[in-house]
């Protein structure tokens, strides 16, 4: 596991170079009362889910609802 420290408005980039076509950019938006808000920038075709949602999808298969499908907003 890679562990990084970032301040508000600092970002981390995953992929996007060296043969990786897609890039994921994660930016710290806010830190307040022990909670961190993160912003994710990635191609629309790439699904982004909270861990517990991803586990449910892996266990039960993709949901049928448009509100939870791959093209849906970030979970």
PDB file of N, CA and C in Angstrom:
ATOM      1  N   UNK A   1       0.845  -1.175   0.000  1.00  0.00           N
ATOM      2  CA  UNK A   1       0.000   0.000   0.000  1.00  0.00           C
ATOM      3  C   UNK A   1       0.887   1.233   0.000  1.00  0.00           C
ATOM      4  N   UNK A   2       0.582   2.146  -0.893  1.00  0.00           N
ATOM      5  CA  UNK A   2       1.271   3.431  -0.946  1.00  0.00           C
ATOM      6  C   UNK A   2       0.515   4.396  -0.045  1.00  0.00           C
ATOM      7  N   UNK A   3       1.215   5.061   0.859  1.00  0.00           N
ATOM      8  CA  UNK A   3       0.596   6.023   1.758  1.00  0.00           C
ATOM      9  C   UNK A   3       1.202   7.384   1.476  1.00  0.00           C
ATOM     10  N   UNK A   4       0.339   8.356   1.172  1.00  0.00           N
ATOM     11  CA  UNK A   4       0.785   9.712   0.848  1.00  0.00           C
ATOM     12  C   UNK A   4       0.090  10.720   1.751  1.00  0.00           C
ATOM     13  N   UNK A   5       0.760  11.807   2.014  1.00  0.00           N
ATOM     14  CA  UNK A   5       0.141  12.921   2.727  1.00  0.00           C
ATOM     15  C   UNK A   5      -0.142  14.015   1.709  1.00  0.00           C
ATOM     16  N   UNK A   6      -1.329  14.578   1.755  1.00  0.00           N
ATOM     17  CA  UNK A   6      -1.723  15.645   0.841  1.00  0.00           C
ATOM     18  C   UNK A   6      -2.441  16.707   1.640  1.00  0.00           C
ATOM     19  N   UNK A   7      -2.268  17.953   1.258  1.00  0.00           N
ATOM     20  CA  UNK A   7      -2.987  19.058   1.869  1.00  0.00           C
ATOM     21  C   UNK A   7      -4.178  19.404   0.993  1.00  0.00           C
ATOM     22  N   UNK A   8      -5.022  20.287   1.491  1.00  0.00           N
ATOM     23  CA  UNK A   8      -6.197  20.731   0.734  1.00  0.00           C
ATOM     24  C   UNK A   8      -5.759  21.252  -0.633  1.00  0.00           C
ATOM     25  N   UNK A   9      -6.478  20.841  -1.663  1.00  0.00           N
ATOM     26  CA  UNK A   9      -6.259  21.200  -3.073  1.00  0.00           C
ATOM     27  C   UNK A   9      -5.052  20.528  -3.704  1.00  0.00           C
ATOM     28  N   UNK A  10      -4.342  19.670  -2.977  1.00  0.00           N
ATOM     29  CA  UNK A  10      -3.267  18.876  -3.579  1.00  0.00           C
ATOM     30  C   UNK A  10      -3.867  17.599  -4.143  1.00  0.00           C
ATOM     31  N   UNK A  11      -3.201  17.037  -5.154  1.00  0.00           N
ATOM     32  CA  UNK A  11      -3.767  15.887  -5.865  1.00  0.00           C
ATOM     33  C   UNK A  11      -2.741  14.780  -6.030  1.00  0.00           C
ATOM     34  N   UNK A  12      -3.249  13.608  -6.394  1.00  0.00           N
ATOM     35  CA  UNK A  12      -2.442  12.445  -6.742  1.00  0.00           C
ATOM     36  C   UNK A  12      -2.960  11.952  -8.094  1.00  0.00           C
ATOM     37  N   UNK A  13      -2.042  11.560  -8.982  1.00  0.00           N
ATOM     38  CA  UNK A  13      -2.422  11.045 -10.289  1.00  0.00           C
ATOM     39  C   UNK A  13      -1.999   9.585 -10.390  1.00  0.00           C
ATOM     40  N   UNK A  14      -2.909   8.730 -10.882  1.00  0.00           N
ATOM     41  CA  UNK A  14      -2.630   7.311 -11.083  1.00  0.00           C
ATOM     42  C   UNK A  14      -2.760   7.027 -12.571  1.00  0.00           C
ATOM     43  N   UNK A  15      -1.733   6.420 -13.170  1.00  0.00           N
ATOM     44  CA  UNK A  15      -1.768   6.098 -14.601  1.00  0.00           C
ATOM     45  C   UNK A  15      -1.527   7.330 -15.451  1.00  0.00           C
ATOM     46  N   UNK A  16      -1.906   7.222 -16.741  1.00  0.00           N
ATOM     47  CA  UNK A  16      -1.788   8.358 -17.638  1.00  0.00           C
ATOM     48  C   UNK A  16      -0.408   8.548 -18.246  1.00  0.00           C
ATOM     49  N   UNK A  17       0.524   7.653 -17.979  1.00  0.00           N
ATOM     50  CA  UNK A  17       1.868   7.754 -18.556  1.00  0.00           C
ATOM     51  C   UNK A  17       2.481   6.358 -18.632  1.00  0.00           C
ATOM     52  N   UNK A  18       3.533   6.223 -19.398  1.00  0.00           N
ATOM     53  CA  UNK A  18       4.257   4.954 -19.453  1.00  0.00           C
ATOM     54  C   UNK A  18       3.409   3.787 -19.916  1.00  0.00           C
ATOM     55  N   UNK A  19       2.554   3.995 -20.923  1.00  0.00           N
ATOM     56  CA  UNK A  19       1.747   2.908 -21.449  1.00  0.00           C
ATOM     57  C   UNK A  19       0.357   2.791 -20.844  1.00  0.00           C
ATOM     58  N   UNK A  20       0.049   3.588 -19.838  1.00  0.00           N
ATOM     59  CA  UNK A  20      -1.294   3.585 -19.246  1.00  0.00           C
ATOM     60  C   UNK A  20      -2.111   4.665 -19.938  1.00  0.00           C
ATOM     61  N   UNK A  21      -3.144   4.245 -20.661  1.00  0.00           N
ATOM     62  CA  UNK A  21      -3.956   5.204 -21.394  1.00  0.00           C
ATOM     63  C   UNK A  21      -4.801   6.081 -20.474  1.00  0.00           C
ATOM     64  N   UNK A  22      -5.394   5.479 -19.478  1.00  0.00           N
ATOM     65  CA  UNK A  22      -6.302   6.216 -18.607  1.00  0.00           C
ATOM     66  C   UNK A  22      -5.574   6.778 -17.403  1.00  0.00           C
ATOM     67  N   UNK A  23      -6.100   7.878 -16.921  1.00  0.00           N
ATOM     68  CA  UNK A  23      -5.523   8.542 -15.768  1.00  0.00           C
ATOM     69  C   UNK A  23      -6.630   8.775 -14.745  1.00  0.00           C
ATOM     70  N   UNK A  24      -6.303   8.596 -13.500  1.00  0.00           N
ATOM     71  CA  UNK A  24      -7.204   8.919 -12.399  1.00  0.00           C
ATOM     72  C   UNK A  24      -6.535  10.006 -11.580  1.00  0.00           C
ATOM     73  N   UNK A  25      -7.228  11.114 -11.382  1.00  0.00           N
ATOM     74  CA  UNK A  25      -6.706  12.207 -10.557  1.00  0.00           C
ATOM     75  C   UNK A  25      -7.597  12.307  -9.323  1.00  0.00           C
ATOM     76  N   UNK A  26      -6.982  12.249  -8.158  1.00  0.00           N
ATOM     77  CA  UNK A  26      -7.698  12.361  -6.889  1.00  0.00           C
ATOM     78  C   UNK A  26      -7.213  13.625  -6.192  1.00  0.00           C
ATOM     79  N   UNK A  27      -8.146  14.517  -5.865  1.00  0.00           N
ATOM     80  CA  UNK A  27      -7.801  15.787  -5.236  1.00  0.00           C
ATOM     81  C   UNK A  27      -8.474  15.891  -3.879  1.00  0.00           C
ATOM     82  N   UNK A  28      -7.733  16.329  -2.871  1.00  0.00           N
ATOM     83  CA  UNK A  28      -8.299  16.591  -1.550  1.00  0.00           C
ATOM     84  C   UNK A  28      -9.064  17.912  -1.655  1.00  0.00           C
ATOM     85  N   UNK A  29     -10.372  17.861  -1.445  1.00  0.00           N
ATOM     86  CA  UNK A  29     -11.197  19.060  -1.552  1.00  0.00           C
ATOM     87  C   UNK A  29     -11.381  19.769  -0.225  1.00  0.00           C
ATOM     88  N   UNK A  30     -11.528  18.974   0.828  1.00  0.00           N
ATOM     89  CA  UNK A  30     -11.809  19.570   2.135  1.00  0.00           C
ATOM     90  C   UNK A  30     -11.425  18.601   3.240  1.00  0.00           C
ATOM     91  N   UNK A  31     -10.933  19.144   4.333  1.00  0.00           N
ATOM     92  CA  UNK A  31     -10.630  18.355   5.526  1.00  0.00           C
ATOM     93  C   UNK A  31     -11.335  19.059   6.681  1.00  0.00           C
ATOM     94  N   UNK A  32     -12.279  18.344   7.318  1.00  0.00           N
ATOM     95  CA  UNK A  32     -13.056  18.967   8.377  1.00  0.00           C
ATOM     96  C   UNK A  32     -13.543  17.916   9.359  1.00  0.00           C
ATOM     97  N   UNK A  33     -13.326  18.147  10.626  1.00  0.00           N
ATOM     98  CA  UNK A  33     -13.828  17.280  11.699  1.00  0.00           C
ATOM     99  C   UNK A  33     -13.513  15.808  11.470  1.00  0.00           C
ATOM    100  N   UNK A  34     -12.303  15.507  11.068  1.00  0.00           N
ATOM    101  CA  UNK A  34     -11.890  14.124  10.878  1.00  0.00           C
ATOM    102  C   UNK A  34     -12.401  13.484   9.597  1.00  0.00           C
ATOM    103  N   UNK A  35     -13.025  14.271   8.715  1.00  0.00           N
ATOM    104  CA  UNK A  35     -13.533  13.760   7.446  1.00  0.00           C
ATOM    105  C   UNK A  35     -12.793  14.430   6.301  1.00  0.00           C
ATOM    106  N   UNK A  36     -12.445  13.632   5.307  1.00  0.00           N
ATOM    107  CA  UNK A  36     -11.759  14.156   4.127  1.00  0.00           C
ATOM    108  C   UNK A  36     -12.686  14.013   2.931  1.00  0.00           C
ATOM    109  N   UNK A  37     -12.899  15.088   2.179  1.00  0.00           N
ATOM    110  CA  UNK A  37     -13.684  15.031   0.937  1.00  0.00           C
ATOM    111  C   UNK A  37     -12.705  14.968  -0.223  1.00  0.00           C
ATOM    112  N   UNK A  38     -12.902  13.972  -1.082  1.00  0.00           N
ATOM    113  CA  UNK A  38     -12.017  13.753  -2.222  1.00  0.00           C
ATOM    114  C   UNK A  38     -12.781  13.979  -3.511  1.00  0.00           C
ATOM    115  N   UNK A  39     -12.093  14.512  -4.521  1.00  0.00           N
ATOM    116  CA  UNK A  39     -12.665  14.661  -5.856  1.00  0.00           C
ATOM    117  C   UNK A  39     -11.931  13.726  -6.797  1.00  0.00           C
ATOM    118  N   UNK A  40     -12.671  13.031  -7.673  1.00  0.00           N
ATOM    119  CA  UNK A  40     -12.090  12.063  -8.597  1.00  0.00           C
ATOM    120  C   UNK A  40     -12.336  12.516 -10.021  1.00  0.00           C
ATOM    121  N   UNK A  41     -11.268  12.573 -10.821  1.00  0.00           N
ATOM    122  CA  UNK A  41     -11.392  12.892 -12.233  1.00  0.00           C
ATOM    123  C   UNK A  41     -10.861  11.705 -13.023  1.00  0.00           C
ATOM    124  N   UNK A  42     -11.735  11.138 -13.868  1.00  0.00           N
ATOM    125  CA  UNK A  42     -11.370   9.966 -14.649  1.00  0.00           C
ATOM    126  C   UNK A  42     -12.306   9.919 -15.852  1.00  0.00           C
ATOM    127  N   UNK A  43     -11.936   9.185 -16.900  1.00  0.00           N
ATOM    128  CA  UNK A  43     -12.804   9.035 -18.062  1.00  0.00           C
ATOM    129  C   UNK A  43     -14.181   8.556 -17.637  1.00  0.00           C
ATOM    130  N   UNK A  44     -15.222   9.020 -18.340  1.00  0.00           N
ATOM    131  CA  UNK A  44     -16.597   8.644 -17.997  1.00  0.00           C
ATOM    132  C   UNK A  44     -16.832   7.140 -18.073  1.00  0.00           C
ATOM    133  N   UNK A  45     -16.053   6.436 -18.901  1.00  0.00           N
ATOM    134  CA  UNK A  45     -16.231   4.990 -19.054  1.00  0.00           C
ATOM    135  C   UNK A  45     -15.701   4.200 -17.860  1.00  0.00           C
ATOM    136  N   UNK A  46     -14.911   4.834 -17.030  1.00  0.00           N
ATOM    137  CA  UNK A  46     -14.293   4.146 -15.894  1.00  0.00           C
ATOM    138  C   UNK A  46     -15.194   4.294 -14.668  1.00  0.00           C
ATOM    139  N   UNK A  47     -15.724   3.173 -14.156  1.00  0.00           N
ATOM    140  CA  UNK A  47     -16.582   3.275 -12.974  1.00  0.00           C
ATOM    141  C   UNK A  47     -15.764   3.605 -11.722  1.00  0.00           C
ATOM    142  N   UNK A  48     -16.344   4.420 -10.864  1.00  0.00           N
ATOM    143  CA  UNK A  48     -15.721   4.763  -9.581  1.00  0.00           C
ATOM    144  C   UNK A  48     -16.769   4.511  -8.510  1.00  0.00           C
ATOM    145  N   UNK A  49     -16.423   3.683  -7.519  1.00  0.00           N
ATOM    146  CA  UNK A  49     -17.374   3.317  -6.467  1.00  0.00           C
ATOM    147  C   UNK A  49     -16.702   3.403  -5.104  1.00  0.00           C
ATOM    148  N   UNK A  50     -17.512   3.626  -4.078  1.00  0.00           N
ATOM    149  CA  UNK A  50     -17.018   3.447  -2.711  1.00  0.00           C
ATOM    150  C   UNK A  50     -16.713   1.963  -2.539  1.00  0.00           C
ATOM    151  N   UNK A  51     -15.810   1.632  -1.650  1.00  0.00           N
ATOM    152  CA  UNK A  51     -15.380   0.238  -1.452  1.00  0.00           C
ATOM    153  C   UNK A  51     -16.552  -0.695  -1.185  1.00  0.00           C
ATOM    154  N   UNK A  52     -17.460  -0.298  -0.273  1.00  0.00           N
ATOM    155  CA  UNK A  52     -18.566  -1.183   0.091  1.00  0.00           C
ATOM    156  C   UNK A  52     -19.524  -1.407  -1.084  1.00  0.00           C
ATOM    157  N   UNK A  53     -19.687  -0.422  -1.946  1.00  0.00           N
ATOM    158  CA  UNK A  53     -20.517  -0.592  -3.142  1.00  0.00           C
ATOM    159  C   UNK A  53     -19.829  -1.546  -4.116  1.00  0.00           C
ATOM    160  N   UNK A  54     -18.532  -1.389  -4.299  1.00  0.00           N
ATOM    161  CA  UNK A  54     -17.767  -2.269  -5.193  1.00  0.00           C
ATOM    162  C   UNK A  54     -17.850  -3.728  -4.725  1.00  0.00           C
ATOM    163  N   UNK A  55     -17.748  -3.946  -3.406  1.00  0.00           N
ATOM    164  CA  UNK A  55     -17.859  -5.307  -2.873  1.00  0.00           C
ATOM    165  C   UNK A  55     -19.228  -5.903  -3.178  1.00  0.00           C
ATOM    166  N   UNK A  56     -20.296  -5.096  -3.021  1.00  0.00           N
ATOM    167  CA  UNK A  56     -21.644  -5.566  -3.333  1.00  0.00           C
ATOM    168  C   UNK A  56     -21.773  -5.925  -4.809  1.00  0.00           C
ATOM    169  N   UNK A  57     -21.230  -5.101  -5.682  1.00  0.00           N
ATOM    170  CA  UNK A  57     -21.277  -5.371  -7.123  1.00  0.00           C
ATOM    171  C   UNK A  57     -20.542  -6.671  -7.434  1.00  0.00           C
ATOM    172  N   UNK A  58     -19.395  -6.879  -6.825  1.00  0.00           N
ATOM    173  CA  UNK A  58     -18.619  -8.102  -7.066  1.00  0.00           C
ATOM    174  C   UNK A  58     -19.354  -9.340  -6.561  1.00  0.00           C
ATOM    175  N   UNK A  59     -20.082  -9.200  -5.458  1.00  0.00           N
ATOM    176  CA  UNK A  59     -20.805 -10.322  -4.875  1.00  0.00           C
ATOM    177  C   UNK A  59     -22.090 -10.634  -5.630  1.00  0.00           C
ATOM    178  N   UNK A  60     -22.851  -9.603  -5.953  1.00  0.00           N
ATOM    179  CA  UNK A  60     -24.177  -9.780  -6.548  1.00  0.00           C
ATOM    180  C   UNK A  60     -24.217  -9.559  -8.048  1.00  0.00           C
ATOM    181  N   UNK A  61     -23.173  -9.033  -8.632  1.00  0.00           N
ATOM    182  CA  UNK A  61     -23.195  -8.666 -10.043  1.00  0.00           C
ATOM    183  C   UNK A  61     -23.632  -7.218 -10.195  1.00  0.00           C
ATOM    184  N   UNK A  62     -23.476  -6.660 -11.399  1.00  0.00           N
ATOM    185  CA  UNK A  62     -23.835  -5.255 -11.611  1.00  0.00           C
ATOM    186  C   UNK A  62     -25.322  -5.013 -11.366  1.00  0.00           C
ATOM    187  N   UNK A  63     -25.659  -3.888 -10.767  1.00  0.00           N
ATOM    188  CA  UNK A  63     -27.058  -3.560 -10.517  1.00  0.00           C
ATOM    189  C   UNK A  63     -27.774  -3.203 -11.821  1.00  0.00           C
ATOM    190  N   UNK A  64     -29.093  -3.310 -11.828  1.00  0.00           N
ATOM    191  CA  UNK A  64     -29.880  -2.988 -13.009  1.00  0.00           C
ATOM    192  C   UNK A  64     -30.297  -1.529 -13.047  1.00  0.00           C
ATOM    193  N   UNK A  65     -30.216  -0.865 -11.921  1.00  0.00           N
ATOM    194  CA  UNK A  65     -30.670   0.511 -11.811  1.00  0.00           C
ATOM    195  C   UNK A  65     -29.690   1.466 -12.470  1.00  0.00           C
ATOM    196  N   UNK A  66     -30.219   2.458 -13.168  1.00  0.00           N
ATOM    197  CA  UNK A  66     -29.356   3.479 -13.785  1.00  0.00           C
ATOM    198  C   UNK A  66     -28.656   4.301 -12.720  1.00  0.00           C
ATOM    199  N   UNK A  67     -29.222   4.388 -11.538  1.00  0.00           N
ATOM    200  CA  UNK A  67     -28.621   5.178 -10.484  1.00  0.00           C
ATOM    201  C   UNK A  67     -27.419   4.490  -9.856  1.00  0.00           C
ATOM    202  N   UNK A  68     -27.214   3.196 -10.159  1.00  0.00           N
ATOM    203  CA  UNK A  68     -26.083   2.478  -9.578  1.00  0.00           C
ATOM    204  C   UNK A  68     -25.207   1.834 -10.621  1.00  0.00           C
ATOM    205  N   UNK A  69     -25.497   1.994 -11.887  1.00  0.00           N
ATOM    206  CA  UNK A  69     -24.740   1.336 -12.949  1.00  0.00           C
ATOM    207  C   UNK A  69     -23.422   2.013 -13.248  1.00  0.00           C
ATOM    208  N   UNK A  70     -22.622   1.422 -14.160  1.00  0.00           N
ATOM    209  CA  UNK A  70     -21.297   1.934 -14.486  1.00  0.00           C
ATOM    210  C   UNK A  70     -21.294   3.372 -14.976  1.00  0.00           C
ATOM    211  N   UNK A  71     -22.334   3.814 -15.674  1.00  0.00           N
ATOM    212  CA  UNK A  71     -22.363   5.165 -16.173  1.00  0.00           C
ATOM    213  C   UNK A  71     -22.953   6.151 -15.186  1.00  0.00           C
ATOM    214  N   UNK A  72     -23.323   5.671 -14.018  1.00  0.00           N
ATOM    215  CA  UNK A  72     -23.968   6.509 -13.008  1.00  0.00           C
ATOM    216  C   UNK A  72     -22.942   7.392 -12.334  1.00  0.00           C
ATOM    217  N   UNK A  73     -23.422   8.403 -11.622  1.00  0.00           N
ATOM    218  CA  UNK A  73     -22.514   9.258 -10.873  1.00  0.00           C
ATOM    219  C   UNK A  73     -21.699   8.449  -9.868  1.00  0.00           C
ATOM    220  N   UNK A  74     -20.603   9.024  -9.439  1.00  0.00           N
ATOM    221  CA  UNK A  74     -19.706   8.372  -8.480  1.00  0.00           C
ATOM    222  C   UNK A  74     -20.464   8.015  -7.222  1.00  0.00           C
ATOM    223  N   UNK A  75     -20.235   6.792  -6.732  1.00  0.00           N
ATOM    224  CA  UNK A  75     -20.907   6.324  -5.507  1.00  0.00           C
ATOM    225  C   UNK A  75     -20.175   6.814  -4.291  1.00  0.00           C
TER     226      UNK A  75
END
